[in-house]
Amino acid sequence: MNSIKEPLKLGGILGAIALVLAILLSYVNSITAEKIDAVNAQAVQDGLREVMPEAKQFVLMDGSVNDNSYGIEVSDVYIAMDNDEHVIGYCATALPNGYGGKVETIVGMNMDAVITGVKVTNNMSETPGLGAKATKKENYTYQFEGKTAPLAVKKDGGEIDAITSATITSRAVVSGVNAAVEVMKANNIFGSYIDSNEIIDGKYVMPAEKPEPEQPEEGEEATEAAENAETGEQTEEQTEVRENE
């Protein structure tokens, strides 16, 4: 009997140890995930401030239209506002394909569709010493400031100097900038002000499309003319005819 109970006892002990380890691992992962999310969120805010330094607040547009003619993924669109909640521009993150994979590119644009800044993040797999130079403003992205899209590298007839021996990465960034600007223009639905009451949990929910105004039925215009005749009023069409006479 002891020979049978020993393996069962050992199995129970190992099972209990595995359960405790699983609980501890889950707890550690939850703490780590929160820290990682916080670091990523801070990195996003830093990137937005770099491409739109005049903005004091960035609000994520929930339900933005991200389709573009370049077929490039544009993940997020932000509304950039000053301290008085005036809309001063937009920011967007594009993910064009470079030499080694996606090249995360953050783009800022003011209300006149002029590019205020471009930042290529370290979240990329381009060749160190070549394509990776795109992450440095002084090496590459400074060229975009003050320009309007669409843009192109000089090898393609544009005005952007490509990074030496990294034309693929350079073209990817330019395409990402063009796609981001196109998307931001499509989402430029505001005047110069946005009501803070429309911002919920740091997000602005895009409004549904407004229904088309109803057209009057055929009989309504005749009825209106008859009623005006009784009261001595004139319709716009009648007034126009009299003036022409």
Protein backbone atom coordinates (compact mmCIF):
# COMPACT_ATOMS: atom_id res chain seq x y z
CA MET A 1 0.00 0.00 0.00
CA ASN A 2 2.81 2.40 0.87
CA SER A 3 4.29 1.89 -2.58
CA ILE A 4 1.01 3.09 -4.12
CA LYS A 5 0.47 6.02 -1.74
CA GLU A 6 3.97 7.46 -2.19
CA PRO A 7 3.54 8.39 -5.89
CA LEU A 8 0.11 9.84 -5.16
CA LYS A 9 1.50 11.87 -2.30
CA LEU A 10 4.38 13.10 -4.44
CA GLY A 11 1.98 14.00 -7.26
CA GLY A 12 -0.17 16.01 -4.88
CA ILE A 13 2.84 17.91 -3.58
CA LEU A 14 4.03 18.71 -7.10
CA GLY A 15 0.53 19.80 -8.10
CA ALA A 16 0.31 22.14 -5.11
CA ILE A 17 3.73 23.62 -5.94
CA ALA A 18 2.68 24.14 -9.57
CA LEU A 19 -0.51 25.88 -8.46
CA VAL A 20 1.36 28.24 -6.13
CA LEU A 21 3.89 29.05 -8.87
CA ALA A 22 1.09 29.71 -11.37
CA ILE A 23 -0.59 32.14 -8.95
CA LEU A 24 2.71 33.93 -8.28
CA LEU A 25 3.51 34.14 -12.00
CA SER A 26 0.08 35.57 -12.76
CA TYR A 27 0.54 38.18 -10.03
CA VAL A 28 3.99 39.16 -11.28
CA ASN A 29 2.70 39.39 -14.86
CA SER A 30 -0.15 41.69 -13.82
CA ILE A 31 2.27 44.06 -12.08
CA THR A 32 4.72 43.94 -15.00
CA ALA A 33 1.97 44.51 -17.57
CA GLU A 34 0.80 47.63 -15.76
CA LYS A 35 4.34 49.02 -15.70
CA ILE A 36 4.87 48.20 -19.38
CA ASP A 37 1.57 49.89 -20.31
CA ALA A 38 2.58 52.96 -18.31
CA VAL A 39 5.98 53.12 -20.02
CA ASN A 40 4.41 52.71 -23.47
CA ALA A 41 1.79 55.38 -22.73
CA GLN A 42 4.51 57.79 -21.62
CA ALA A 43 6.53 57.03 -24.76
CA VAL A 44 3.49 57.86 -26.90
CA GLN A 45 2.94 61.17 -25.09
CA ASP A 46 6.64 62.05 -25.45
CA GLY A 47 6.46 61.31 -29.17
CA LEU A 48 3.34 63.44 -29.62
CA ARG A 49 4.93 66.36 -27.80
CA GLU A 50 8.01 66.08 -29.97
CA VAL A 51 6.07 66.37 -33.23
CA MET A 52 3.59 68.98 -31.90
CA PRO A 53 5.52 70.95 -29.24
CA GLU A 54 2.93 73.75 -29.00
CA ALA A 55 0.16 71.40 -27.89
CA LYS A 56 -0.67 70.98 -24.20
CA GLN A 57 -3.19 68.17 -24.52
CA PHE A 58 -3.69 65.24 -26.89
CA VAL A 59 -7.05 63.51 -27.20
CA LEU A 60 -7.41 60.19 -28.98
CA MET A 61 -10.13 60.16 -31.62
CA ASP A 62 -12.32 57.12 -31.08
CA GLY A 63 -13.78 56.01 -34.40
CA SER A 64 -11.45 57.96 -36.68
CA VAL A 65 -11.31 57.14 -40.39
CA ASN A 66 -7.89 55.56 -40.96
CA ASP A 67 -8.16 54.34 -44.57
CA ASN A 68 -5.74 55.90 -47.05
CA SER A 69 -4.69 55.56 -50.69
CA TYR A 70 -1.21 54.31 -49.70
CA GLY A 71 -2.54 51.14 -48.08
CA ILE A 72 -0.47 51.87 -44.96
CA GLU A 73 -1.73 51.12 -41.47
CA VAL A 74 -2.44 54.29 -39.49
CA SER A 75 -3.17 53.17 -35.96
CA ASP A 76 -4.13 56.28 -33.96
CA VAL A 77 -5.24 59.83 -34.63
CA TYR A 78 -4.99 62.45 -31.87
CA ILE A 79 -6.49 65.93 -31.59
CA ALA A 80 -3.85 68.43 -30.45
CA MET A 81 -5.13 71.29 -28.27
CA ASP A 82 -3.69 74.24 -26.41
CA ASN A 83 -4.44 75.28 -22.82
CA ASP A 84 -7.67 76.99 -23.90
CA GLU A 85 -8.94 73.81 -25.57
CA HIS A 86 -8.47 75.28 -29.02
CA VAL A 87 -7.70 72.69 -31.68
CA ILE A 88 -4.29 73.52 -33.16
CA GLY A 89 -3.70 70.38 -35.20
CA TYR A 90 -3.56 66.61 -35.30
CA CYS A 91 -1.09 63.80 -34.73
CA ALA A 92 -1.16 60.28 -36.15
CA THR A 93 0.94 57.12 -36.01
CA ALA A 94 1.72 55.33 -39.27
CA LEU A 95 3.27 51.87 -39.66
CA PRO A 96 4.86 51.64 -43.12
CA ASN A 97 6.92 48.60 -44.13
CA GLY A 98 10.68 49.21 -44.07
CA TYR A 99 13.66 46.97 -44.75
CA GLY A 100 13.29 44.91 -41.58
CA GLY A 101 9.58 45.32 -40.81
CA LYS A 102 7.20 48.01 -39.62
CA VAL A 103 8.67 51.48 -39.08
CA GLU A 104 6.57 53.26 -36.44
CA THR A 105 6.30 56.90 -37.50
CA ILE A 106 4.51 59.65 -35.55
CA VAL A 107 3.48 62.72 -37.56
CA GLY A 108 2.19 66.13 -36.45
CA MET A 109 0.15 68.46 -38.67
CA ASN A 110 -1.28 71.91 -37.95
CA MET A 111 -4.67 73.24 -39.07
CA ASP A 112 -3.15 74.44 -42.36
CA ALA A 113 -1.99 70.88 -43.15
CA VAL A 114 1.66 71.86 -42.62
CA ILE A 115 3.83 69.18 -41.02
CA THR A 116 5.02 70.29 -37.58
CA GLY A 117 7.26 67.31 -36.87
CA VAL A 118 8.03 63.65 -37.57
CA LYS A 119 9.39 61.08 -35.14
CA VAL A 120 10.50 57.56 -36.00
CA THR A 121 10.36 55.57 -32.78
CA ASN A 122 12.76 52.87 -31.62
CA ASN A 123 9.99 50.33 -32.19
CA MET A 124 11.56 49.12 -35.44
CA SER A 125 13.95 46.47 -36.81
CA GLU A 126 15.94 48.42 -39.36
CA THR A 127 19.68 47.87 -39.86
CA PRO A 128 21.77 49.43 -37.05
CA GLY A 129 23.93 52.26 -38.36
CA LEU A 130 21.87 52.53 -41.57
CA GLY A 131 18.05 52.51 -41.51
CA ALA A 132 18.07 52.93 -37.74
CA LYS A 133 19.49 56.43 -38.26
CA ALA A 134 15.93 57.48 -39.12
CA THR A 135 15.19 57.64 -35.38
CA LYS A 136 17.51 60.65 -35.02
CA LYS A 137 15.95 64.00 -35.89
CA GLU A 138 19.26 65.53 -36.89
CA ASN A 139 19.95 62.65 -39.29
CA TYR A 140 16.69 62.61 -41.20
CA THR A 141 13.30 63.69 -39.84
CA TYR A 142 14.12 67.41 -39.46
CA GLN A 143 13.58 67.70 -43.23
CA PHE A 144 9.82 67.21 -42.94
CA GLU A 145 9.12 70.22 -40.71
CA GLY A 146 7.31 73.06 -42.44
CA LYS A 147 6.48 70.99 -45.53
CA THR A 148 3.17 69.77 -46.94
CA ALA A 149 2.40 66.29 -48.22
CA PRO A 150 2.62 64.42 -50.49
CA LEU A 151 6.40 64.17 -50.33
CA ALA A 152 9.07 61.96 -51.89
CA VAL A 153 12.78 61.28 -51.57
CA LYS A 154 15.05 63.01 -54.12
CA LYS A 155 15.68 59.74 -55.95
CA ASP A 156 11.95 59.71 -56.71
CA GLY A 157 11.84 63.35 -57.77
CA GLY A 158 11.04 64.78 -54.33
CA GLU A 159 12.87 67.05 -51.89
CA ILE A 160 13.69 64.68 -49.02
CA ASP A 161 17.30 63.48 -48.76
CA ALA A 162 17.39 59.73 -48.22
CA ILE A 163 19.61 58.24 -45.54
CA THR A 164 22.83 56.97 -47.10
CA SER A 165 22.55 53.23 -47.93
CA ALA A 166 19.02 53.14 -46.44
CA THR A 167 16.76 54.18 -49.30
CA ILE A 168 14.12 51.57 -48.45
CA THR A 169 13.76 52.88 -44.90
CA SER A 170 13.76 56.47 -46.13
CA ARG A 171 10.99 55.74 -48.62
CA ALA A 172 9.02 53.91 -45.95
CA VAL A 173 9.09 56.92 -43.63
CA VAL A 174 8.04 59.27 -46.44
CA SER A 175 5.15 56.97 -47.35
CA GLY A 176 4.14 56.78 -43.70
CA VAL A 177 4.14 60.58 -43.45
CA ASN A 178 2.02 60.88 -46.60
CA ALA A 179 -0.48 58.30 -45.33
CA ALA A 180 -0.71 59.93 -41.89
CA VAL A 181 -1.32 63.39 -43.37
CA GLU A 182 -4.00 62.02 -45.68
CA VAL A 183 -5.77 60.39 -42.74
CA MET A 184 -5.49 63.50 -40.56
CA LYS A 185 -7.00 65.64 -43.33
CA ALA A 186 -9.90 63.20 -43.60
CA ASN A 187 -10.53 63.52 -39.85
CA ASN A 188 -10.20 67.32 -39.76
CA ILE A 189 -13.85 67.95 -38.86
CA PHE A 190 -13.36 70.67 -36.27
CA GLY A 191 -13.15 74.41 -36.27
CA SER A 192 -10.81 75.87 -33.70
CA TYR A 193 -12.61 74.68 -30.57
CA ILE A 194 -13.78 71.40 -29.05
CA ASP A 195 -16.07 71.14 -26.04
CA SER A 196 -14.31 69.43 -23.14
CA ASN A 197 -17.63 67.80 -22.21
CA GLU A 198 -17.32 65.71 -25.38
CA ILE A 199 -14.07 64.18 -24.13
CA ILE A 200 -14.63 61.01 -22.09
CA ASP A 201 -11.75 59.13 -20.44
CA GLY A 202 -9.24 60.97 -22.61
CA LYS A 203 -11.04 60.08 -25.85
CA TYR A 204 -13.22 61.97 -28.29
CA VAL A 205 -15.96 59.82 -29.78
CA MET A 206 -16.49 60.66 -33.43
CA PRO A 207 -20.09 61.77 -34.06
CA ALA A 208 -22.35 59.76 -36.33
CA GLU A 209 -23.03 61.21 -39.76
CA LYS A 210 -25.81 63.77 -39.70
CA PRO A 211 -28.90 62.74 -41.68
CA GLU A 212 -29.61 64.57 -44.93
CA PRO A 213 -32.24 67.32 -44.55
CA GLU A 214 -35.68 66.19 -45.62
CA GLN A 215 -36.85 67.47 -49.00
CA PRO A 216 -40.39 68.90 -49.14
CA GLU A 217 -42.96 66.73 -50.86
CA GLU A 218 -44.42 67.88 -54.18
CA GLY A 219 -47.68 69.08 -52.66
CA GLU A 220 -46.01 71.12 -49.91
CA GLU A 221 -44.77 73.92 -52.20
CA ALA A 222 -48.22 74.36 -53.77
CA THR A 223 -49.84 74.45 -50.33
CA GLU A 224 -47.33 77.05 -49.15
CA ALA A 225 -48.04 79.23 -52.22
CA ALA A 226 -51.78 79.04 -51.60
CA GLU A 227 -51.39 79.96 -47.94
CA ASN A 228 -49.14 82.88 -48.85
CA ALA A 229 -51.68 84.08 -51.41
CA GLU A 230 -54.36 84.23 -48.73
CA THR A 231 -52.14 86.21 -46.37
CA GLY A 232 -50.60 88.36 -49.07
CA GLU A 233 -47.11 86.88 -48.60
CA GLN A 234 -44.90 85.87 -51.51
CA THR A 235 -42.68 82.85 -51.96
CA GLU A 236 -39.04 83.33 -52.89
CA GLU A 237 -39.75 82.14 -56.45
CA GLN A 238 -42.61 84.61 -56.86
CA THR A 239 -40.45 87.44 -55.59
CA GLU A 240 -37.70 86.51 -58.01
CA VAL A 241 -40.10 86.49 -60.97
CA ARG A 242 -41.48 89.94 -60.06
CA GLU A 243 -37.98 91.37 -59.71
CA ASN A 244 -37.03 89.99 -63.15
CA GLU A 245 -40.10 91.60 -64.64
